[in-house]
Amino acid sequence: MTLMEQIQANFLEIYRMDYQFGIYDKNGMKGLVVQGFLSPENYATIVGEAYVAPSV
């Protein structure tokens, strides 16, 4: 595992814990996807449902 992959895995775990502890709700997690901090695939892994981009 490269250093970048390890960093990404660490952040995924941090976001997973933040969601479990209630620091972020689903809307907060969607905001992380919009900002580019979390991928739609990782959103689905953490929240348990597919990411749907907000309509403008």
PDB file of N, CA and C in Angstrom:
ATOM      1  N   MET A   1       0.858  -1.174   0.000  1.00  0.00           N
ATOM      2  CA  MET A   1       0.000   0.000   0.000  1.00  0.00           C
ATOM      3  C   MET A   1       0.904   1.236   0.000  1.00  0.00           C
ATOM      4  N   THR A   2       0.599   2.138  -0.897  1.00  0.00           N
ATOM      5  CA  THR A   2       1.385   3.365  -0.968  1.00  0.00           C
ATOM      6  C   THR A   2       1.001   4.305   0.173  1.00  0.00           C
ATOM      7  N   LEU A   3       1.811   5.299   0.371  1.00  0.00           N
ATOM      8  CA  LEU A   3       1.528   6.276   1.418  1.00  0.00           C
ATOM      9  C   LEU A   3       0.191   6.968   1.167  1.00  0.00           C
ATOM     10  N   MET A   4      -0.078   7.345  -0.085  1.00  0.00           N
ATOM     11  CA  MET A   4      -1.337   8.025  -0.411  1.00  0.00           C
ATOM     12  C   MET A   4      -2.533   7.103  -0.155  1.00  0.00           C
ATOM     13  N   GLU A   5      -2.414   5.839  -0.486  1.00  0.00           N
ATOM     14  CA  GLU A   5      -3.502   4.895  -0.225  1.00  0.00           C
ATOM     15  C   GLU A   5      -3.740   4.742   1.279  1.00  0.00           C
ATOM     16  N   GLN A   6      -2.672   4.744   2.048  1.00  0.00           N
ATOM     17  CA  GLN A   6      -2.807   4.643   3.502  1.00  0.00           C
ATOM     18  C   GLN A   6      -3.485   5.883   4.078  1.00  0.00           C
ATOM     19  N   ILE A   7      -3.115   7.049   3.566  1.00  0.00           N
ATOM     20  CA  ILE A   7      -3.742   8.294   4.021  1.00  0.00           C
ATOM     21  C   ILE A   7      -5.229   8.281   3.694  1.00  0.00           C
ATOM     22  N   GLN A   8      -5.584   7.862   2.477  1.00  0.00           N
ATOM     23  CA  GLN A   8      -6.990   7.800   2.083  1.00  0.00           C
ATOM     24  C   GLN A   8      -7.754   6.811   2.952  1.00  0.00           C
ATOM     25  N   ALA A   9      -7.147   5.668   3.262  1.00  0.00           N
ATOM     26  CA  ALA A   9      -7.790   4.675   4.120  1.00  0.00           C
ATOM     27  C   ALA A   9      -8.004   5.235   5.524  1.00  0.00           C
ATOM     28  N   ASN A  10      -7.031   6.002   6.021  1.00  0.00           N
ATOM     29  CA  ASN A  10      -7.169   6.607   7.347  1.00  0.00           C
ATOM     30  C   ASN A  10      -8.315   7.613   7.374  1.00  0.00           C
ATOM     31  N   PHE A  11      -8.405   8.443   6.352  1.00  0.00           N
ATOM     32  CA  PHE A  11      -9.499   9.414   6.302  1.00  0.00           C
ATOM     33  C   PHE A  11     -10.845   8.719   6.167  1.00  0.00           C
ATOM     34  N   LEU A  12     -10.909   7.645   5.399  1.00  0.00           N
ATOM     35  CA  LEU A  12     -12.154   6.889   5.279  1.00  0.00           C
ATOM     36  C   LEU A  12     -12.597   6.402   6.661  1.00  0.00           C
ATOM     37  N   GLU A  13     -11.659   5.899   7.432  1.00  0.00           N
ATOM     38  CA  GLU A  13     -11.991   5.411   8.769  1.00  0.00           C
ATOM     39  C   GLU A  13     -12.429   6.558   9.681  1.00  0.00           C
ATOM     40  N   ILE A  14     -11.784   7.700   9.567  1.00  0.00           N
ATOM     41  CA  ILE A  14     -12.178   8.871  10.356  1.00  0.00           C
ATOM     42  C   ILE A  14     -13.606   9.287  10.007  1.00  0.00           C
ATOM     43  N   TYR A  15     -13.919   9.374   8.713  1.00  0.00           N
ATOM     44  CA  TYR A  15     -15.267   9.760   8.299  1.00  0.00           C
ATOM     45  C   TYR A  15     -16.298   8.711   8.729  1.00  0.00           C
ATOM     46  N   ARG A  16     -15.918   7.436   8.689  1.00  0.00           N
ATOM     47  CA  ARG A  16     -16.827   6.372   9.134  1.00  0.00           C
ATOM     48  C   ARG A  16     -17.156   6.561  10.624  1.00  0.00           C
ATOM     49  N   MET A  17     -16.144   6.831  11.434  1.00  0.00           N
ATOM     50  CA  MET A  17     -16.376   7.045  12.867  1.00  0.00           C
ATOM     51  C   MET A  17     -17.187   8.317  13.110  1.00  0.00           C
ATOM     52  N   ASP A  18     -16.886   9.382  12.365  1.00  0.00           N
ATOM     53  CA  ASP A  18     -17.655  10.624  12.502  1.00  0.00           C
ATOM     54  C   ASP A  18     -19.133  10.375  12.230  1.00  0.00           C
ATOM     55  N   TYR A  19     -19.439   9.558  11.224  1.00  0.00           N
ATOM     56  CA  TYR A  19     -20.832   9.245  10.898  1.00  0.00           C
ATOM     57  C   TYR A  19     -21.454   8.400  12.013  1.00  0.00           C
ATOM     58  N   GLN A  20     -20.729   7.405  12.487  1.00  0.00           N
ATOM     59  CA  GLN A  20     -21.251   6.532  13.540  1.00  0.00           C
ATOM     60  C   GLN A  20     -21.500   7.297  14.836  1.00  0.00           C
ATOM     61  N   PHE A  21     -20.644   8.268  15.148  1.00  0.00           N
ATOM     62  CA  PHE A  21     -20.791   9.047  16.374  1.00  0.00           C
ATOM     63  C   PHE A  21     -21.777  10.197  16.231  1.00  0.00           C
ATOM     64  N   GLY A  22     -22.292  10.410  15.018  1.00  0.00           N
ATOM     65  CA  GLY A  22     -23.287  11.447  14.809  1.00  0.00           C
ATOM     66  C   GLY A  22     -22.709  12.826  14.546  1.00  0.00           C
ATOM     67  N   ILE A  23     -21.406  12.906  14.332  1.00  0.00           N
ATOM     68  CA  ILE A  23     -20.797  14.194  14.012  1.00  0.00           C
ATOM     69  C   ILE A  23     -21.280  14.660  12.650  1.00  0.00           C
ATOM     70  N   TYR A  24     -21.367  13.721  11.706  1.00  0.00           N
ATOM     71  CA  TYR A  24     -21.946  13.989  10.385  1.00  0.00           C
ATOM     72  C   TYR A  24     -23.201  13.149  10.220  1.00  0.00           C
ATOM     73  N   ASP A  25     -24.255  13.746   9.658  1.00  0.00           N
ATOM     74  CA  ASP A  25     -25.415  12.981   9.247  1.00  0.00           C
ATOM     75  C   ASP A  25     -25.282  12.742   7.742  1.00  0.00           C
ATOM     76  N   LYS A  26     -26.321  12.199   7.099  1.00  0.00           N
ATOM     77  CA  LYS A  26     -26.234  11.911   5.668  1.00  0.00           C
ATOM     78  C   LYS A  26     -25.975  13.168   4.854  1.00  0.00           C
ATOM     79  N   ASN A  27     -26.611  14.277   5.223  1.00  0.00           N
ATOM     80  CA  ASN A  27     -26.380  15.519   4.488  1.00  0.00           C
ATOM     81  C   ASN A  27     -24.951  16.012   4.652  1.00  0.00           C
ATOM     82  N   GLY A  28     -24.405  15.854   5.830  1.00  0.00           N
ATOM     83  CA  GLY A  28     -23.015  16.227   6.062  1.00  0.00           C
ATOM     84  C   GLY A  28     -22.064  15.379   5.237  1.00  0.00           C
ATOM     85  N   MET A  29     -22.372  14.096   5.144  1.00  0.00           N
ATOM     86  CA  MET A  29     -21.543  13.200   4.342  1.00  0.00           C
ATOM     87  C   MET A  29     -21.650  13.569   2.857  1.00  0.00           C
ATOM     88  N   LYS A  30     -22.853  13.928   2.416  1.00  0.00           N
ATOM     89  CA  LYS A  30     -23.015  14.371   1.023  1.00  0.00           C
ATOM     90  C   LYS A  30     -22.191  15.627   0.767  1.00  0.00           C
ATOM     91  N   GLY A  31     -22.132  16.505   1.750  1.00  0.00           N
ATOM     92  CA  GLY A  31     -21.321  17.703   1.617  1.00  0.00           C
ATOM     93  C   GLY A  31     -19.846  17.372   1.425  1.00  0.00           C
ATOM     94  N   LEU A  32     -19.379  16.329   2.098  1.00  0.00           N
ATOM     95  CA  LEU A  32     -17.992  15.903   1.921  1.00  0.00           C
ATOM     96  C   LEU A  32     -17.741  15.401   0.505  1.00  0.00           C
ATOM     97  N   VAL A  33     -18.746  14.740  -0.074  1.00  0.00           N
ATOM     98  CA  VAL A  33     -18.615  14.273  -1.458  1.00  0.00           C
ATOM     99  C   VAL A  33     -18.565  15.472  -2.398  1.00  0.00           C
ATOM    100  N   VAL A  34     -19.472  16.424  -2.213  1.00  0.00           N
ATOM    101  CA  VAL A  34     -19.515  17.616  -3.063  1.00  0.00           C
ATOM    102  C   VAL A  34     -18.185  18.373  -3.004  1.00  0.00           C
ATOM    103  N   GLN A  35     -17.590  18.439  -1.820  1.00  0.00           N
ATOM    104  CA  GLN A  35     -16.326  19.150  -1.647  1.00  0.00           C
ATOM    105  C   GLN A  35     -15.124  18.349  -2.143  1.00  0.00           C
ATOM    106  N   GLY A  36     -15.326  17.079  -2.462  1.00  0.00           N
ATOM    107  CA  GLY A  36     -14.246  16.247  -2.970  1.00  0.00           C
ATOM    108  C   GLY A  36     -13.430  15.540  -1.904  1.00  0.00           C
ATOM    109  N   PHE A  37     -13.883  15.591  -0.656  1.00  0.00           N
ATOM    110  CA  PHE A  37     -13.156  14.927   0.424  1.00  0.00           C
ATOM    111  C   PHE A  37     -13.499  13.446   0.531  1.00  0.00           C
ATOM    112  N   LEU A  38     -14.640  13.057  -0.026  1.00  0.00           N
ATOM    113  CA  LEU A  38     -15.123  11.686   0.072  1.00  0.00           C
ATOM    114  C   LEU A  38     -15.664  11.279  -1.291  1.00  0.00           C
ATOM    115  N   SER A  39     -15.345  10.084  -1.733  1.00  0.00           N
ATOM    116  CA  SER A  39     -15.850   9.619  -3.032  1.00  0.00           C
ATOM    117  C   SER A  39     -17.282   9.110  -2.873  1.00  0.00           C
ATOM    118  N   PRO A  40     -18.047   9.118  -3.964  1.00  0.00           N
ATOM    119  CA  PRO A  40     -19.402   8.563  -3.889  1.00  0.00           C
ATOM    120  C   PRO A  40     -19.404   7.096  -3.456  1.00  0.00           C
ATOM    121  N   GLU A  41     -18.382   6.357  -3.857  1.00  0.00           N
ATOM    122  CA  GLU A  41     -18.286   4.940  -3.468  1.00  0.00           C
ATOM    123  C   GLU A  41     -18.070   4.809  -1.965  1.00  0.00           C
ATOM    124  N   ASN A  42     -17.218   5.659  -1.408  1.00  0.00           N
ATOM    125  CA  ASN A  42     -16.987   5.609   0.032  1.00  0.00           C
ATOM    126  C   ASN A  42     -18.193   6.117   0.815  1.00  0.00           C
ATOM    127  N   TYR A  43     -18.930   7.068   0.238  1.00  0.00           N
ATOM    128  CA  TYR A  43     -20.189   7.504   0.846  1.00  0.00           C
ATOM    129  C   TYR A  43     -21.108   6.295   1.006  1.00  0.00           C
ATOM    130  N   ALA A  44     -21.252   5.528  -0.070  1.00  0.00           N
ATOM    131  CA  ALA A  44     -22.126   4.350  -0.039  1.00  0.00           C
ATOM    132  C   ALA A  44     -21.638   3.326   0.979  1.00  0.00           C
ATOM    133  N   THR A  45     -20.336   3.166   1.089  1.00  0.00           N
ATOM    134  CA  THR A  45     -19.768   2.228   2.057  1.00  0.00           C
ATOM    135  C   THR A  45     -20.103   2.647   3.479  1.00  0.00           C
ATOM    136  N   ILE A  46     -20.005   3.926   3.764  1.00  0.00           N
ATOM    137  CA  ILE A  46     -20.223   4.426   5.123  1.00  0.00           C
ATOM    138  C   ILE A  46     -21.712   4.501   5.462  1.00  0.00           C
ATOM    139  N   VAL A  47     -22.496   5.087   4.568  1.00  0.00           N
ATOM    140  CA  VAL A  47     -23.909   5.355   4.862  1.00  0.00           C
ATOM    141  C   VAL A  47     -24.793   4.138   4.591  1.00  0.00           C
ATOM    142  N   GLY A  48     -24.385   3.295   3.657  1.00  0.00           N
ATOM    143  CA  GLY A  48     -25.175   2.107   3.346  1.00  0.00           C
ATOM    144  C   GLY A  48     -26.194   2.314   2.255  1.00  0.00           C
ATOM    145  N   GLU A  49     -26.077   3.423   1.536  1.00  0.00           N
ATOM    146  CA  GLU A  49     -26.956   3.670   0.391  1.00  0.00           C
ATOM    147  C   GLU A  49     -26.176   4.456  -0.648  1.00  0.00           C
ATOM    148  N   ALA A  50     -26.615   4.342  -1.888  1.00  0.00           N
ATOM    149  CA  ALA A  50     -25.916   5.002  -2.978  1.00  0.00           C
ATOM    150  C   ALA A  50     -25.990   6.516  -2.842  1.00  0.00           C
ATOM    151  N   TYR A  51     -24.915   7.175  -3.257  1.00  0.00           N
ATOM    152  CA  TYR A  51     -24.878   8.638  -3.268  1.00  0.00           C
ATOM    153  C   TYR A  51     -25.680   9.140  -4.449  1.00  0.00           C
ATOM    154  N   VAL A  52     -26.561  10.082  -4.197  1.00  0.00           N
ATOM    155  CA  VAL A  52     -27.326  10.752  -5.240  1.00  0.00           C
ATOM    156  C   VAL A  52     -26.968  12.218  -5.175  1.00  0.00           C
ATOM    157  N   ALA A  53     -26.411  12.728  -6.273  1.00  0.00           N
ATOM    158  CA  ALA A  53     -25.984  14.126  -6.314  1.00  0.00           C
ATOM    159  C   ALA A  53     -27.182  15.043  -6.126  1.00  0.00           C
ATOM    160  N   PRO A  54     -27.028  16.113  -5.354  1.00  0.00           N
ATOM    161  CA  PRO A  54     -28.124  17.052  -5.165  1.00  0.00           C
ATOM    162  C   PRO A  54     -28.468  17.737  -6.480  1.00  0.00           C
ATOM    163  N   SER A  55     -29.753  17.904  -6.710  1.00  0.00           N
ATOM    164  CA  SER A  55     -30.193  18.574  -7.938  1.00  0.00           C
ATOM    165  C   SER A  55     -30.131  20.090  -7.735  1.00  0.00           C
ATOM    166  N   VAL A  56     -29.767  20.773  -8.788  1.00  0.00           N
ATOM    167  CA  VAL A  56     -29.607  22.224  -8.702  1.00  0.00           C
ATOM    168  C   VAL A  56     -30.806  22.919  -9.274  1.00  0.00           C
TER     169      VAL A  56
END
